[in-house]
Amino acid sequence: MKVFLRPAAAIFLLLGGTFHLAAQQLPPIVSENSAAEQIPNLGRLVSELRQYHECTCKCGCYAKDINAQADRAIAFLRRRAAYRLPNERLALVLDIDETTLSNYQEIAKADFAYNAKAFDAWINTAQAPAIPGTLRLYREARRLGVAVFFLTGRPETERAATERNLRAQGFAGWRQLIMRSPAQMSETALAYKSADRARIAAEGYTLVLNVGDQWSDLKGVPAAEVSIKYPDPFYFIP
């Protein structure tokens, strides 16, 4: 005999080889902090991040979104270079991590948790692949005679590995690679990067374009004529 239960009802007890129905009134479920219940579950969020990177979710496609932003940057740079003033020195500022080079291999391996020792070891392998849209942007800047400044939060101790990685991925001929000095390690990314953009401008360059994956790459004074943000839901740097 088939027995159909209403969800609120009951428990099956197996007694003597036969099923008997024992009714039970279930108590209400109470949450004492409804606001906390709105915080996304970490496991589900990690799964969604992986799907976004692999372009298998309804939330978007990481590579497609980055390429769209790179295309906007290239289109602007072409227009701006066409209206360059006589003797005007144009500058493109590029972040490195998740803007020029991808660390997703290490990020996913760590399940999106940050371990400074493991991440530094990854950086020093110099194996991070280029982000294709940024490589296209970089080559177009070089073709247009726009000076490229890499401005990264990486410490000065990682300069050799960073230069080796950039060159191996097709980036060569940049104007300057700016990295954090020991004295700058306590500064926020926003403060550090703003100050170094000011130094570039003080050298006589016009900051026409700034591209980064963090708001702290782009905000602050001086700002570029146009700043373009790449998507990066994987981590946040203030």
Protein backbone atom coordinates (compact mmCIF):
# COMPACT_ATOMS: atom_id res chain seq x y z
CA MET A 1 0.00 0.00 0.00
CA LYS A 2 1.29 3.45 -0.90
CA VAL A 3 1.07 6.18 1.74
CA PHE A 4 1.38 9.85 0.73
CA LEU A 5 2.43 12.27 3.47
CA ARG A 6 1.87 15.96 3.79
CA PRO A 7 5.26 17.71 4.36
CA ALA A 8 4.34 19.00 7.80
CA ALA A 9 3.39 15.67 9.10
CA ALA A 10 5.41 12.77 10.04
CA ILE A 11 8.07 10.19 10.59
CA PHE A 12 8.22 6.68 9.28
CA LEU A 13 9.11 4.09 11.88
CA LEU A 14 10.22 0.68 10.77
CA LEU A 15 8.74 -1.83 13.19
CA GLY A 16 8.60 -5.60 12.69
CA GLY A 17 9.14 -5.30 8.95
CA THR A 18 6.13 -3.02 8.40
CA PHE A 19 5.87 0.77 8.15
CA HIS A 20 3.75 2.69 10.65
CA LEU A 21 3.00 6.41 10.49
CA ALA A 22 3.75 8.50 13.54
CA ALA A 23 2.38 12.01 13.36
CA GLN A 24 4.50 14.78 14.79
CA GLN A 25 3.94 18.50 14.90
CA LEU A 26 7.22 20.10 13.77
CA PRO A 27 8.34 23.18 15.72
CA PRO A 28 8.76 26.48 13.83
CA ILE A 29 12.21 27.44 12.55
CA VAL A 30 13.41 30.67 14.11
CA SER A 31 16.33 32.84 13.01
CA GLU A 32 17.51 35.43 15.49
CA ASN A 33 19.38 37.49 12.92
CA SER A 34 17.52 37.91 9.65
CA ALA A 35 20.23 40.25 8.31
CA ALA A 36 22.87 37.54 8.66
CA GLU A 37 20.64 35.14 6.73
CA GLN A 38 21.02 37.44 3.71
CA ILE A 39 24.82 36.94 3.58
CA PRO A 40 25.62 34.61 0.65
CA ASN A 41 26.66 31.11 1.62
CA LEU A 42 30.42 30.80 1.08
CA GLY A 43 30.22 27.43 -0.62
CA ARG A 44 27.65 28.66 -3.10
CA LEU A 45 29.63 31.85 -3.72
CA VAL A 46 32.83 29.90 -4.49
CA SER A 47 30.86 27.71 -6.89
CA GLU A 48 29.45 30.79 -8.62
CA LEU A 49 32.92 32.33 -8.93
CA ARG A 50 34.20 29.21 -10.65
CA GLN A 51 31.19 29.19 -12.98
CA TYR A 52 31.69 32.86 -13.81
CA HIS A 53 35.31 32.21 -14.77
CA GLU A 54 34.31 29.18 -16.84
CA CYS A 55 31.37 31.06 -18.42
CA THR A 56 28.85 28.42 -17.32
CA CYS A 57 26.50 30.55 -15.22
CA LYS A 58 23.79 33.15 -15.84
CA CYS A 59 25.92 35.69 -13.95
CA GLY A 60 28.11 36.46 -16.99
CA CYS A 61 31.33 35.33 -18.63
CA TYR A 62 34.66 36.54 -17.21
CA ALA A 63 36.67 36.40 -20.45
CA LYS A 64 33.90 38.02 -22.48
CA ASP A 65 33.47 40.82 -19.92
CA ILE A 66 37.20 41.57 -19.80
CA ASN A 67 37.46 41.56 -23.60
CA ALA A 68 34.59 44.04 -23.83
CA GLN A 69 36.41 46.41 -21.46
CA ALA A 70 39.70 45.98 -23.32
CA ASP A 71 37.95 46.81 -26.59
CA ARG A 72 36.59 50.01 -25.03
CA ALA A 73 40.09 50.92 -23.89
CA ILE A 74 41.58 50.32 -27.34
CA ALA A 75 38.85 52.34 -29.06
CA PHE A 76 39.41 55.29 -26.72
CA LEU A 77 43.20 55.14 -27.07
CA ARG A 78 42.95 55.28 -30.85
CA ARG A 79 40.66 58.31 -30.73
CA ARG A 80 42.82 60.08 -28.17
CA ALA A 81 46.08 59.44 -30.01
CA ALA A 82 44.55 60.90 -33.17
CA TYR A 83 44.09 64.21 -31.34
CA ARG A 84 47.48 64.31 -29.68
CA LEU A 85 48.87 67.82 -29.34
CA PRO A 86 52.34 68.63 -30.72
CA ASN A 87 55.00 67.19 -28.40
CA GLU A 88 52.31 65.76 -26.08
CA ARG A 89 53.52 62.67 -24.23
CA LEU A 90 50.63 60.27 -23.69
CA ALA A 91 50.70 57.64 -20.96
CA LEU A 92 48.79 54.41 -20.40
CA VAL A 93 48.84 53.09 -16.83
CA LEU A 94 48.27 49.36 -16.37
CA ASP A 95 47.84 47.33 -13.21
CA ILE A 96 49.36 43.83 -13.37
CA ASP A 97 47.49 41.24 -11.30
CA GLU A 98 44.13 40.31 -12.88
CA THR A 99 44.63 43.16 -15.36
CA THR A 100 47.76 42.25 -17.33
CA LEU A 101 48.55 38.80 -15.92
CA SER A 102 46.08 36.24 -14.59
CA ASN A 103 46.65 34.50 -11.26
CA TYR A 104 43.44 32.49 -11.50
CA GLN A 105 45.32 29.19 -11.52
CA GLU A 106 46.71 29.91 -8.05
CA ILE A 107 43.51 31.60 -6.80
CA ALA A 108 41.35 28.60 -7.72
CA LYS A 109 43.91 26.16 -6.31
CA ALA A 110 43.68 28.00 -2.98
CA ASP A 111 39.86 27.85 -3.17
CA PHE A 112 39.80 31.68 -3.25
CA ALA A 113 41.53 32.02 0.12
CA TYR A 114 44.64 34.21 0.36
CA ASN A 115 47.84 32.72 1.69
CA ALA A 116 50.66 35.26 1.33
CA LYS A 117 53.45 32.68 1.32
CA ALA A 118 51.81 30.48 -1.32
CA PHE A 119 50.83 33.46 -3.48
CA ASP A 120 54.35 34.93 -3.37
CA ALA A 121 55.76 31.54 -4.35
CA TRP A 122 53.39 31.51 -7.33
CA ILE A 123 54.48 35.02 -8.38
CA ASN A 124 58.10 33.96 -8.29
CA THR A 125 57.46 31.10 -10.71
CA ALA A 126 56.79 33.81 -13.35
CA GLN A 127 54.19 31.56 -14.98
CA ALA A 128 51.07 33.75 -14.90
CA PRO A 129 49.48 33.89 -18.37
CA ALA A 130 48.68 37.16 -20.11
CA ILE A 131 45.14 38.46 -20.18
CA PRO A 132 44.57 38.50 -23.96
CA GLY A 133 42.61 41.75 -24.11
CA THR A 134 45.31 43.61 -22.24
CA LEU A 135 48.01 42.23 -24.52
CA ARG A 136 46.04 43.62 -27.47
CA LEU A 137 45.73 46.96 -25.69
CA TYR A 138 49.43 47.00 -24.86
CA ARG A 139 50.46 46.32 -28.45
CA GLU A 140 48.12 49.01 -29.71
CA ALA A 141 49.57 51.52 -27.25
CA ARG A 142 53.06 50.70 -28.45
CA ARG A 143 51.96 51.08 -32.08
CA LEU A 144 50.43 54.47 -31.32
CA GLY A 145 53.52 55.71 -29.51
CA VAL A 146 51.80 55.82 -26.10
CA ALA A 147 54.17 55.22 -23.17
CA VAL A 148 53.13 52.31 -20.95
CA PHE A 149 53.62 52.41 -17.19
CA PHE A 150 52.97 49.27 -15.17
CA LEU A 151 51.84 50.30 -11.69
CA THR A 152 51.49 47.29 -9.40
CA GLY A 153 51.04 46.60 -5.73
CA ARG A 154 53.66 43.87 -5.91
CA PRO A 155 56.71 44.51 -3.71
CA GLU A 156 60.07 45.51 -5.11
CA THR A 157 61.45 42.10 -4.07
CA GLU A 158 59.39 40.51 -6.87
CA ARG A 159 60.74 42.74 -9.63
CA ALA A 160 62.93 40.13 -11.36
CA ALA A 161 60.15 37.53 -11.49
CA THR A 162 57.61 40.12 -12.64
CA GLU A 163 59.82 41.39 -15.47
CA ARG A 164 60.57 37.83 -16.55
CA ASN A 165 56.87 36.95 -16.55
CA LEU A 166 55.86 40.07 -18.51
CA ARG A 167 58.45 39.51 -21.21
CA ALA A 168 57.62 35.82 -21.51
CA GLN A 169 53.98 36.75 -22.15
CA GLY A 170 54.74 39.24 -24.91
CA PHE A 171 55.02 42.50 -22.98
CA ALA A 172 58.23 44.29 -23.84
CA GLY A 173 59.31 47.89 -24.25
CA TRP A 174 57.37 49.43 -21.38
CA ARG A 175 58.38 52.85 -20.12
CA GLN A 176 58.52 51.91 -16.45
CA LEU A 177 57.55 49.15 -14.03
CA ILE A 178 56.60 50.75 -10.71
CA MET A 179 56.54 48.49 -7.65
CA ARG A 180 56.08 49.08 -3.93
CA SER A 181 59.20 50.04 -2.03
CA PRO A 182 59.62 48.80 1.56
CA ALA A 183 58.55 52.26 2.79
CA GLN A 184 55.28 52.01 0.84
CA MET A 185 54.18 48.60 2.08
CA SER A 186 52.00 50.07 4.85
CA GLU A 187 50.13 52.39 2.49
CA THR A 188 46.75 51.54 1.01
CA ALA A 189 46.73 50.69 -2.67
CA LEU A 190 44.69 53.81 -3.38
CA ALA A 191 47.20 56.11 -1.68
CA TYR A 192 50.25 54.40 -3.17
CA LYS A 193 48.93 54.31 -6.72
CA SER A 194 47.62 57.89 -6.63
CA ALA A 195 51.02 59.15 -5.52
CA ASP A 196 52.82 57.29 -8.30
CA ARG A 197 50.39 58.53 -10.94
CA ALA A 198 51.24 62.01 -9.72
CA ARG A 199 54.94 61.26 -10.27
CA ILE A 200 54.23 60.12 -13.85
CA ALA A 201 52.31 63.34 -14.52
CA ALA A 202 55.15 65.36 -12.96
CA GLU A 203 57.51 63.85 -15.54
CA GLY A 204 55.46 65.60 -18.23
CA TYR A 205 53.13 62.80 -19.29
CA THR A 206 49.41 63.19 -19.92
CA LEU A 207 47.57 60.38 -18.15
CA VAL A 208 45.11 59.47 -20.86
CA LEU A 209 44.10 55.94 -19.83
CA ASN A 210 44.26 53.87 -16.64
CA VAL A 211 43.16 50.22 -16.56
CA GLY A 212 42.82 48.06 -13.45
CA ASP A 213 40.69 45.40 -11.80
CA GLN A 214 40.28 47.17 -8.43
CA TRP A 215 38.63 50.50 -7.66
CA SER A 216 41.81 51.37 -5.75
CA ASP A 217 43.72 51.11 -9.07
CA LEU A 218 41.59 53.86 -10.56
CA LYS A 219 40.32 56.24 -7.91
CA GLY A 220 42.29 59.06 -6.33
CA VAL A 221 44.06 62.13 -7.67
CA PRO A 222 45.36 62.58 -10.29
CA ALA A 223 43.00 60.47 -12.34
CA ALA A 224 43.45 59.55 -15.99
CA GLU A 225 41.25 61.12 -18.64
CA VAL A 226 39.50 57.75 -18.86
CA SER A 227 39.70 54.93 -16.33
CA ILE A 228 38.45 51.45 -17.21
CA LYS A 229 37.74 48.77 -14.64
CA TYR A 230 38.02 45.08 -15.38
CA PRO A 231 35.71 42.70 -13.50
CA ASP A 232 37.27 40.93 -10.53
CA PRO A 233 34.90 39.27 -8.06
CA PHE A 234 37.72 37.04 -6.80
CA TYR A 235 39.23 39.46 -4.26
CA PHE A 236 39.10 43.08 -3.10
CA ILE A 237 41.98 45.49 -2.39
CA PRO A 238 41.17 48.82 -0.68
